[in-house]
Protein backbone atom coordinates (compact mmCIF):
# COMPACT_ATOMS: atom_id res chain seq x y z
CA MET A 1 119.38 137.62 66.92
CA LYS A 2 118.00 140.84 69.52
CA LYS A 3 119.79 141.18 72.21
CA VAL A 4 118.01 142.39 76.39
CA LEU A 5 119.83 143.99 79.42
CA ILE A 6 118.02 142.93 82.68
CA THR A 7 119.28 144.64 85.76
CA GLY A 8 118.91 142.62 89.12
CA VAL A 9 118.86 139.13 86.94
CA LEU A 10 119.68 136.89 89.91
CA GLY A 11 116.42 138.04 91.74
CA GLY A 12 113.01 136.09 91.15
CA ILE A 13 111.37 138.26 88.86
CA GLY A 14 114.55 139.08 87.02
CA SER A 15 115.76 135.26 86.76
CA ALA A 16 112.22 134.99 85.76
CA LEU A 17 112.23 137.99 82.95
CA ALA A 18 115.98 136.26 81.82
CA LEU A 19 114.32 132.82 80.74
CA ALA A 20 111.84 134.17 79.32
CA PHE A 21 113.65 136.49 76.66
CA ARG A 22 116.54 133.88 76.08
CA GLU A 23 113.18 131.36 75.61
CA ALA A 24 112.02 134.19 72.86
CA GLY A 25 115.23 134.16 71.18
CA TYR A 26 117.36 137.02 72.99
CA TYR A 27 120.55 136.95 73.98
CA VAL A 28 120.35 138.26 77.63
CA TYR A 29 122.43 140.39 79.86
CA GLY A 30 121.95 140.23 82.83
CA LEU A 31 123.47 142.95 85.47
CA ASP A 32 123.63 142.21 89.62
CA ILE A 33 125.21 143.39 92.52
CA GLN A 34 125.88 139.60 93.16
CA GLU A 35 127.80 137.12 91.51
CA SER A 36 126.76 133.51 91.29
CA ASP A 37 127.00 130.42 89.12
CA HIS A 38 123.00 129.73 89.18
CA HIS A 39 121.53 132.20 86.44
CA GLN A 40 119.73 132.40 83.47
CA ALA A 41 121.10 134.68 81.65
CA ASP A 42 123.70 134.37 78.83
CA GLN A 43 126.37 136.91 80.47
CA LEU A 44 126.22 137.94 83.83
CA ILE A 45 127.74 140.69 84.96
CA GLN A 46 128.41 141.69 88.34
CA PHE A 47 127.43 145.81 88.61
CA ASP A 48 126.43 148.06 91.79
CA LEU A 49 123.87 150.19 90.56
CA HIS A 50 124.08 152.08 93.37
CA GLU A 51 127.90 153.13 92.91
CA PHE A 52 126.89 154.06 88.92
CA SER A 53 124.45 156.50 90.20
CA THR A 54 126.10 157.88 93.13
CA ASN A 55 130.49 157.78 92.11
CA ASN A 56 131.78 159.30 88.82
CA GLU A 57 134.48 157.58 88.53
CA TYR A 58 132.42 154.50 88.57
CA ARG A 59 129.74 155.60 86.51
CA ASN A 60 132.58 156.48 83.60
CA GLU A 61 134.56 153.20 83.55
CA TRP A 62 131.01 151.43 83.33
CA LYS A 63 130.04 153.28 80.54
CA HIS A 64 133.33 152.64 78.32
CA THR A 65 132.37 148.78 79.53
CA PHE A 66 129.26 148.87 78.36
CA ASN A 67 130.16 150.39 74.71
CA VAL A 68 132.58 147.27 74.39
CA LEU A 69 130.48 144.17 76.26
CA ILE A 70 127.06 145.52 74.87
CA PRO A 71 127.50 147.16 71.29
CA GLU A 72 124.22 146.18 70.34
CA LEU A 73 120.78 146.51 72.69
CA HIS A 74 117.17 146.46 71.34
CA VAL A 75 115.78 146.60 75.21
CA LEU A 76 116.15 147.02 78.83
CA ILE A 77 114.48 146.10 81.47
CA ASN A 78 114.84 148.04 84.62
CA ASN A 79 114.43 145.95 87.31
CA ALA A 80 116.60 146.08 90.09
CA ALA A 81 115.16 147.59 93.43
CA VAL A 82 116.02 147.84 96.87
CA GLN A 83 113.25 147.97 99.64
CA MET A 84 114.29 149.47 102.82
CA LEU A 85 111.70 150.44 105.41
CA GLY A 86 111.01 152.61 108.00
CA SER A 87 108.19 154.50 109.10
CA LEU A 88 108.54 158.82 109.21
CA ASP A 89 109.89 158.88 112.58
CA GLU A 90 112.79 156.59 111.59
CA LEU A 91 113.95 157.19 108.56
CA LYS A 92 117.15 157.55 107.84
CA LEU A 93 118.58 159.78 105.09
CA ASP A 94 120.93 157.12 104.03
CA ASP A 95 118.55 154.51 103.40
CA TRP A 96 116.17 157.20 101.62
CA ASN A 97 118.98 158.07 99.26
CA HIS A 98 119.79 154.88 98.81
CA THR A 99 116.75 153.78 97.58
CA MET A 100 116.15 156.87 95.24
CA SER A 101 119.87 155.59 93.67
CA VAL A 102 119.01 152.77 92.66
CA ASN A 103 115.01 152.40 91.93
CA LEU A 104 114.88 155.76 90.33
CA THR A 105 118.77 156.96 89.57
CA GLY A 106 119.74 154.66 88.30
CA PRO A 107 117.25 153.08 85.44
CA LEU A 108 116.66 157.22 84.27
CA LEU A 109 121.10 156.72 83.85
CA LEU A 110 120.93 153.47 82.54
CA SER A 111 118.21 154.67 79.90
CA GLN A 112 120.28 157.50 79.62
CA HIS A 113 123.67 155.69 78.32
CA PHE A 114 121.76 153.19 76.06
CA LEU A 115 119.32 155.46 74.45
CA GLU A 116 121.38 155.94 71.30
CA THR A 117 122.07 152.17 71.14
CA LEU A 118 118.48 151.67 72.21
CA GLU A 119 117.26 154.12 68.83
CA ASP A 120 119.31 152.58 65.95
CA VAL A 121 117.18 149.59 66.65
CA ASN A 122 113.38 151.14 67.58
CA GLY A 123 114.01 149.25 70.71
CA SER A 124 112.03 149.86 74.17
CA ILE A 125 112.48 150.26 77.90
CA VAL A 126 110.48 148.18 80.60
CA ASN A 127 110.70 149.76 83.82
CA ILE A 128 109.51 147.49 87.03
CA GLY A 129 107.21 149.15 88.77
CA SER A 130 105.00 148.19 91.83
CA ILE A 131 101.69 148.26 93.07
CA HIS A 132 102.80 150.55 95.65
CA GLN A 133 103.03 153.45 93.52
CA GLN A 134 99.51 153.29 93.41
CA LEU A 135 98.61 151.25 97.08
CA THR A 136 100.98 151.48 99.85
CA LYS A 137 101.17 150.59 103.60
CA ARG A 138 103.06 151.73 106.47
CA ARG A 139 106.57 151.72 106.76
CA PHE A 140 106.72 151.67 102.57
CA ILE A 141 107.91 155.58 102.49
CA SER A 142 111.02 154.95 100.53
CA TYR A 143 110.13 152.64 98.46
CA ALA A 144 106.64 153.80 97.72
CA THR A 145 107.68 157.12 96.63
CA SER A 146 110.50 156.10 94.28
CA LYS A 147 108.02 153.47 92.70
CA SER A 148 105.48 156.66 91.89
CA ALA A 149 108.83 158.33 90.89
CA LEU A 150 109.43 155.62 88.47
CA ILE A 151 106.33 155.22 87.28
CA GLY A 152 106.85 159.29 86.24
CA LEU A 153 109.82 159.21 84.61
CA THR A 154 108.08 156.25 81.99
CA LYS A 155 106.07 158.76 81.00
CA ALA A 156 107.69 161.59 81.25
CA LEU A 157 110.61 159.57 78.67
CA ALA A 158 107.90 158.15 76.83
CA VAL A 159 106.53 162.28 76.26
CA ASP A 160 110.47 163.24 75.72
CA LEU A 161 111.48 160.59 73.51
CA GLU A 162 108.50 160.96 71.31
CA GLY A 163 108.70 157.74 68.25
CA ARG A 164 112.69 157.52 69.24
CA VAL A 165 112.21 154.58 71.67
CA ARG A 166 109.14 152.79 73.46
CA VAL A 167 108.62 153.37 77.42
CA ASN A 168 106.43 151.25 79.23
CA ALA A 169 106.24 150.45 83.00
CA ILE A 170 104.84 147.09 84.47
CA SER A 171 103.08 147.33 88.25
CA PRO A 172 103.19 143.76 89.64
CA ALA A 173 101.23 143.12 93.23
CA ALA A 174 102.35 140.24 95.02
CA ILE A 175 104.66 137.99 93.19
CA GLU A 176 105.72 134.70 94.29
CA THR A 177 109.54 135.03 94.76
CA ASP A 178 111.76 133.43 97.35
CA MET A 179 112.04 137.08 98.93
CA LEU A 180 108.63 137.06 99.57
CA LEU A 181 107.88 134.23 101.31
CA ALA A 182 110.20 134.11 103.17
CA GLY A 183 108.59 137.09 104.61
CA PHE A 184 106.21 134.92 105.47
CA ASP A 185 107.97 132.78 107.64
CA GLY A 186 106.13 129.37 107.13
CA ASN A 187 103.14 130.94 107.71
CA GLN A 188 100.92 129.37 105.37
CA GLY A 189 97.32 130.91 107.28
CA ALA A 190 99.04 134.05 106.02
CA LEU A 191 100.04 133.19 102.95
CA ASP A 192 96.69 131.56 102.11
CA GLU A 193 94.31 134.82 103.06
CA LEU A 194 97.26 137.02 100.94
CA ARG A 195 96.23 134.89 98.19
CA ARG A 196 91.83 134.58 98.98
CA ILE A 197 91.93 138.30 99.33
CA HIS A 198 93.02 138.66 95.26
CA PRO A 199 89.94 138.25 93.56
CA VAL A 200 91.94 135.79 90.73
CA GLN A 201 92.45 134.31 94.15
CA ARG A 202 96.28 133.72 93.18
CA ILE A 203 99.57 135.78 93.78
CA GLY A 204 101.49 136.44 90.66
CA TYR A 205 103.98 134.14 89.59
CA PRO A 206 107.81 135.69 88.65
CA ASN A 207 106.82 134.66 84.63
CA ASP A 208 103.39 136.77 84.60
CA VAL A 209 105.67 139.46 84.92
CA ALA A 210 107.98 138.16 82.12
CA LYS A 211 105.49 137.52 79.85
CA LEU A 212 103.70 141.07 79.85
CA ALA A 213 107.57 142.09 79.56
CA LEU A 214 108.15 140.30 76.27
CA PHE A 215 105.26 141.48 75.19
CA LEU A 216 105.73 144.88 75.72
CA ALA A 217 109.02 144.35 74.21
CA SER A 218 107.72 142.83 71.12
CA GLU A 219 106.10 144.69 67.66
CA SER A 220 103.25 143.24 68.84
CA SER A 221 102.63 146.55 71.72
CA GLY A 222 103.98 148.99 68.34
CA PHE A 223 101.42 151.55 70.01
CA ILE A 224 101.71 151.16 73.80
CA HIS A 225 103.37 153.82 75.05
CA GLY A 226 103.87 155.70 78.17
CA ALA A 227 101.88 153.45 79.60
CA ASN A 228 101.87 151.53 83.64
CA LEU A 229 100.02 148.01 82.98
CA SER A 230 98.77 146.77 86.54
CA LEU A 231 99.50 143.51 87.31
CA ASP A 232 98.10 143.28 90.73
CA GLY A 233 95.00 140.19 90.57
CA GLY A 234 92.33 142.49 90.32
CA ILE A 235 93.70 142.98 94.08
CA SER A 236 93.30 147.38 93.61
CA SER A 237 89.87 146.57 92.60
CA VAL A 238 88.56 145.74 96.17
CA LEU A 239 87.22 147.48 99.17
CA LYS A 240 87.40 145.63 102.39
CA ASP A 241 84.53 146.23 104.46
CA LEU A 242 85.31 146.57 108.49
């Protein structure tokens, strides 16, 4: 049985990833900062990615734990992320650093730790980016920068690792998660408008991301390496008239 490790497994996209990979026959290790009795992973592991990125003692303890818990791994999916909003004149350095540690440094360190394990089985890494790496809006300085850097990391790792481990990224636009819906606070008209402005006439579903990640992890995508695949319903092709 193939093994996959998914970070941020309790979120909307993380849950869909876990379910899709389990249905495809994978054993799913799920990492999340929260605990829950309701999850789609075979094994949920409570884990703080920020601490792993910033605390040497915590990181060394977890490296040992990972070696015991996850001796074999075929796919690493760096999905966990934080989104702390703020314009330049109100941006807090702590929020900037926290965003970078979770969204960028964490994926780097996990990729580094599991490199030999993944290489042993011709495995792959899938980084979950965002449309904000290309198109963003006000107050998304930290988040957009971290996701742009994550795509840069994806390409750099692909070149650096050559044929050892495949590395790719997915950059979704709006995905219909509980978090996104909560942001509309029951404003159905605004949500309908968001759907309408996407040429495909809907926003994405978490399973759209999961299906693409499953494809990137499979042998069917063996020539895809260092790619950033946009999953945006055509929104990045829209030029609005005023």
